[in-house]
Amino acid sequence: MQAMNAINHASKYCIMIGDRLDTDIRTTNKVGIKTIRTTNSLFKIQEPIDKFELHSYTISSLTEIPKVLNMI
């Protein structure tokens, strides 16, 4: 949230990339930012426990980010 305020952009212009559902994805979803979950870490075994841990997109490598951004 601080980053959005610092650059003066609304959540619809932001996206969060993270590997942890309980910290990265959950907190970002709560402020209305789209999320990309990367599954190339030990946290790939995490399963969503509620709607706030559901991510918008999934990638297995950071090299896939441009492909996802072109879909948005």
C-alpha atoms as a PDB file:
ATOM      1  CA  MET A   1       0.000   0.000   0.000  1.00  0.00           C
ATOM      2  CA  GLN A   2       2.824   2.399   0.785  1.00  0.00           C
ATOM      3  CA  ALA A   3       4.304   1.798  -2.655  1.00  0.00           C
ATOM      4  CA  MET A   4       0.987   2.630  -4.340  1.00  0.00           C
ATOM      5  CA  ASN A   5       0.701   5.830  -2.360  1.00  0.00           C
ATOM      6  CA  ALA A   6       4.302   6.777  -3.094  1.00  0.00           C
ATOM      7  CA  ILE A   7       3.781   6.555  -6.845  1.00  0.00           C
ATOM      8  CA  ASN A   8       0.210   7.881  -6.642  1.00  0.00           C
ATOM      9  CA  HIS A   9      -1.464   4.956  -8.453  1.00  0.00           C
ATOM     10  CA  ALA A  10      -4.720   3.179  -7.734  1.00  0.00           C
ATOM     11  CA  SER A  11      -4.825  -0.572  -7.106  1.00  0.00           C
ATOM     12  CA  LYS A  12      -6.205  -1.243 -10.597  1.00  0.00           C
ATOM     13  CA  TYR A  13      -2.809  -0.211 -12.017  1.00  0.00           C
ATOM     14  CA  CYS A  14      -0.790  -2.463  -9.705  1.00  0.00           C
ATOM     15  CA  ILE A  15       0.009  -6.160  -9.534  1.00  0.00           C
ATOM     16  CA  MET A  16       1.751  -8.179  -6.828  1.00  0.00           C
ATOM     17  CA  ILE A  17       4.015 -11.137  -7.537  1.00  0.00           C
ATOM     18  CA  GLY A  18       4.641 -13.495  -4.644  1.00  0.00           C
ATOM     19  CA  ASP A  19       5.034 -17.093  -3.613  1.00  0.00           C
ATOM     20  CA  ARG A  20       3.292 -17.180  -0.229  1.00  0.00           C
ATOM     21  CA  LEU A  21      -0.479 -17.357  -0.047  1.00  0.00           C
ATOM     22  CA  ASP A  22      -0.663 -16.405   3.635  1.00  0.00           C
ATOM     23  CA  THR A  23       1.388 -13.218   3.388  1.00  0.00           C
ATOM     24  CA  ASP A  24       1.961 -12.074  -0.212  1.00  0.00           C
ATOM     25  CA  ILE A  25      -1.353 -13.015  -1.800  1.00  0.00           C
ATOM     26  CA  ARG A  26      -3.691 -12.567   1.197  1.00  0.00           C
ATOM     27  CA  THR A  27      -2.609  -9.053   2.144  1.00  0.00           C
ATOM     28  CA  THR A  28      -2.543  -7.884  -1.468  1.00  0.00           C
ATOM     29  CA  ASN A  29      -6.004  -9.229  -2.261  1.00  0.00           C
ATOM     30  CA  LYS A  30      -7.403  -7.416   0.759  1.00  0.00           C
ATOM     31  CA  VAL A  31      -6.503  -4.051  -0.803  1.00  0.00           C
ATOM     32  CA  GLY A  32      -7.845  -5.009  -4.234  1.00  0.00           C
ATOM     33  CA  ILE A  33      -4.645  -5.603  -6.189  1.00  0.00           C
ATOM     34  CA  LYS A  34      -4.359  -8.389  -8.779  1.00  0.00           C
ATOM     35  CA  THR A  35      -1.927 -11.124  -7.820  1.00  0.00           C
ATOM     36  CA  ILE A  36       0.479 -13.445  -9.587  1.00  0.00           C
ATOM     37  CA  ARG A  37       1.579 -16.472  -7.621  1.00  0.00           C
ATOM     38  CA  THR A  38       4.923 -17.994  -8.486  1.00  0.00           C
ATOM     39  CA  THR A  39       5.249 -21.678  -7.715  1.00  0.00           C
ATOM     40  CA  ASN A  40       9.023 -22.066  -7.927  1.00  0.00           C
ATOM     41  CA  SER A  41       9.630 -22.098  -4.180  1.00  0.00           C
ATOM     42  CA  LEU A  42       9.034 -24.329  -1.192  1.00  0.00           C
ATOM     43  CA  PHE A  43       5.700 -22.539  -0.642  1.00  0.00           C
ATOM     44  CA  LYS A  44       4.247 -24.170  -3.771  1.00  0.00           C
ATOM     45  CA  ILE A  45       2.632 -26.763  -1.490  1.00  0.00           C
ATOM     46  CA  GLN A  46       0.412 -24.144   0.158  1.00  0.00           C
ATOM     47  CA  GLU A  47      -3.299 -24.397  -0.613  1.00  0.00           C
ATOM     48  CA  PRO A  48      -5.698 -21.441  -0.338  1.00  0.00           C
ATOM     49  CA  ILE A  49      -7.729 -21.478   2.873  1.00  0.00           C
ATOM     50  CA  ASP A  50     -10.193 -18.760   1.865  1.00  0.00           C
ATOM     51  CA  LYS A  51     -11.036 -16.277  -0.916  1.00  0.00           C
ATOM     52  CA  PHE A  52      -8.254 -13.899   0.111  1.00  0.00           C
ATOM     53  CA  GLU A  53      -5.628 -16.520  -0.723  1.00  0.00           C
ATOM     54  CA  LEU A  54      -6.930 -17.089  -4.257  1.00  0.00           C
ATOM     55  CA  HIS A  55      -4.506 -15.589  -6.756  1.00  0.00           C
ATOM     56  CA  SER A  56      -5.374 -14.041 -10.113  1.00  0.00           C
ATOM     57  CA  TYR A  57      -2.644 -15.802 -12.104  1.00  0.00           C
ATOM     58  CA  THR A  58      -0.066 -18.559 -11.578  1.00  0.00           C
ATOM     59  CA  ILE A  59       3.439 -18.796 -13.018  1.00  0.00           C
ATOM     60  CA  SER A  60       6.266 -21.230 -12.451  1.00  0.00           C
ATOM     61  CA  SER A  61       9.034 -18.866 -13.543  1.00  0.00           C
ATOM     62  CA  LEU A  62       9.502 -15.102 -13.439  1.00  0.00           C
ATOM     63  CA  THR A  63      10.169 -15.230 -17.183  1.00  0.00           C
ATOM     64  CA  GLU A  64       6.412 -15.806 -17.614  1.00  0.00           C
ATOM     65  CA  ILE A  65       5.507 -12.362 -16.237  1.00  0.00           C
ATOM     66  CA  PRO A  66       5.395 -10.583 -19.640  1.00  0.00           C
ATOM     67  CA  LYS A  67       2.990 -13.237 -20.967  1.00  0.00           C
ATOM     68  CA  VAL A  68       0.628 -12.689 -18.011  1.00  0.00           C
ATOM     69  CA  LEU A  69       0.840  -8.910 -18.303  1.00  0.00           C
ATOM     70  CA  ASN A  70      -0.136  -9.138 -21.981  1.00  0.00           C
ATOM     71  CA  MET A  71      -3.304 -11.037 -20.955  1.00  0.00           C
ATOM     72  CA  ILE A  72      -4.444  -8.305 -18.575  1.00  0.00           C
END
